[in-house]
Amino acid sequence: MSQLNDEKKVHVIVHGNRQIYEQVKNMLIENNVKSENIAMASLDKAGEIGEYVAMIWPPMNSKEIIISEIVGDQAEGKGMGAWASIDQRELFRLSL
C-alpha cells in the first residue's frame, strides 16, 4: 500500500451500503490508517485538499476500495452532493 499521511482524514464513501463500512474501516486500519482519522463521508460537506477518500467500487456488488487524494476544487460537479465539487487523484486500490 502506498504511504498515506497518517495525520490526514480518510473519508469513506459506501454509496448507501452502510453494512460494508466496518469492513472498509478495518481494512484501512490493517493498512496503517489510524482509526481516529477514518470517518463516513457526508453528502453535506466534502473533505479538504490533502485529505483522502476511500470509495467502494462499483457501488453495487463492490469488489474493491479506491483510495484517492483530494487535490483541488472543480467548478462544475459531476457527482452527488458536496463531493461533486472536488477533484481527486487515485493513489491505489485494495481488493474487498
Protein backbone atom coordinates (compact mmCIF):
# COMPACT_ATOMS: atom_id res chain seq x y z
CA MET A 1 0.00 0.00 0.00
CA SER A 2 1.20 3.47 -0.82
CA GLN A 3 2.15 5.59 2.13
CA LEU A 4 -0.59 7.98 3.25
CA ASN A 5 0.00 10.91 5.56
CA ASP A 6 -1.24 9.37 8.81
CA GLU A 7 -2.30 12.77 10.15
CA LYS A 8 -4.87 13.30 7.38
CA LYS A 9 -8.51 12.26 7.49
CA VAL A 10 -9.86 9.44 5.29
CA HIS A 11 -13.49 9.89 4.18
CA VAL A 12 -15.22 6.58 3.42
CA ILE A 13 -17.84 6.52 0.66
CA VAL A 14 -20.01 3.39 0.68
CA HIS A 15 -22.80 4.55 -1.67
CA GLY A 16 -25.50 3.83 0.91
CA ASN A 17 -24.14 0.33 1.68
CA ARG A 18 -23.62 1.09 5.37
CA GLN A 19 -23.24 -2.60 6.20
CA ILE A 20 -19.83 -2.59 4.47
CA TYR A 21 -18.47 0.47 6.34
CA GLU A 22 -16.91 -1.55 9.21
CA GLN A 23 -15.21 -3.91 6.74
CA VAL A 24 -13.72 -0.96 4.85
CA LYS A 25 -12.64 0.72 8.09
CA ASN A 26 -10.96 -2.49 9.32
CA MET A 27 -9.12 -2.89 6.01
CA LEU A 28 -7.84 0.68 6.24
CA ILE A 29 -6.67 0.10 9.82
CA GLU A 30 -4.88 -3.09 8.72
CA ASN A 31 -3.11 -0.90 6.14
CA ASN A 32 -1.80 1.54 8.78
CA VAL A 33 -4.54 4.18 8.73
CA LYS A 34 -5.29 5.50 12.22
CA SER A 35 -8.80 4.60 13.37
CA GLU A 36 -9.46 8.13 14.63
CA ASN A 37 -8.79 9.52 11.13
CA ILE A 38 -11.44 7.36 9.42
CA ALA A 39 -14.97 8.74 9.03
CA MET A 40 -18.07 8.10 6.96
CA ALA A 41 -18.28 10.68 4.17
CA SER A 42 -21.11 13.21 4.32
CA LEU A 43 -23.16 14.42 1.36
CA ASP A 44 -23.28 17.85 3.03
CA LYS A 45 -19.56 18.56 3.31
CA ALA A 46 -16.66 17.26 1.27
CA GLY A 47 -13.16 16.77 2.60
CA GLU A 48 -10.32 19.26 2.40
CA ILE A 49 -7.47 19.38 -0.10
CA GLY A 50 -4.78 16.93 1.03
CA GLU A 51 -7.21 14.56 2.76
CA TYR A 52 -8.17 11.16 1.36
CA VAL A 53 -11.23 9.34 0.04
CA ALA A 54 -11.77 5.58 0.32
CA MET A 55 -14.64 4.64 -2.00
CA ILE A 56 -16.07 1.18 -2.61
CA TRP A 57 -16.36 0.29 -6.29
CA PRO A 58 -18.55 -0.48 -8.07
CA PRO A 59 -21.40 0.84 -5.91
CA MET A 60 -23.40 -2.40 -6.14
CA ASN A 61 -21.62 -5.71 -5.56
CA SER A 62 -18.39 -3.90 -4.68
CA LYS A 63 -15.09 -5.61 -5.47
CA GLU A 64 -12.53 -3.03 -4.35
CA ILE A 65 -11.79 0.15 -2.45
CA ILE A 66 -10.36 3.03 -4.45
CA ILE A 67 -8.08 5.27 -2.37
CA SER A 68 -7.74 8.82 -3.71
CA GLU A 69 -6.27 12.11 -2.53
CA ILE A 70 -8.33 15.30 -2.69
CA VAL A 71 -6.24 17.57 -4.91
CA GLY A 72 -8.47 20.55 -5.60
CA ASP A 73 -11.83 22.06 -6.31
CA GLN A 74 -13.65 21.94 -9.60
CA ALA A 75 -16.08 24.48 -10.98
CA GLU A 76 -18.73 22.01 -12.12
CA GLY A 77 -19.85 19.00 -10.16
CA LYS A 78 -20.02 15.55 -11.70
CA GLY A 79 -21.41 13.56 -8.78
CA MET A 80 -23.71 13.75 -5.78
CA GLY A 81 -23.73 16.33 -3.03
CA ALA A 82 -20.69 18.21 -1.80
CA TRP A 83 -18.30 15.62 -3.27
CA ALA A 84 -19.19 16.78 -6.78
CA SER A 85 -17.14 19.94 -6.20
CA ILE A 86 -13.73 18.32 -5.61
CA ASP A 87 -11.00 16.86 -7.79
CA GLN A 88 -9.42 13.59 -6.72
CA ARG A 89 -6.28 11.75 -7.80
CA GLU A 90 -6.41 7.97 -7.50
CA LEU A 91 -3.50 6.58 -5.46
CA PHE A 92 -4.18 2.83 -5.30
CA ARG A 93 -6.83 0.14 -4.87
CA LEU A 94 -7.49 -2.56 -2.28
CA SER A 95 -9.45 -5.74 -3.05
CA LEU A 96 -12.50 -6.36 -0.88
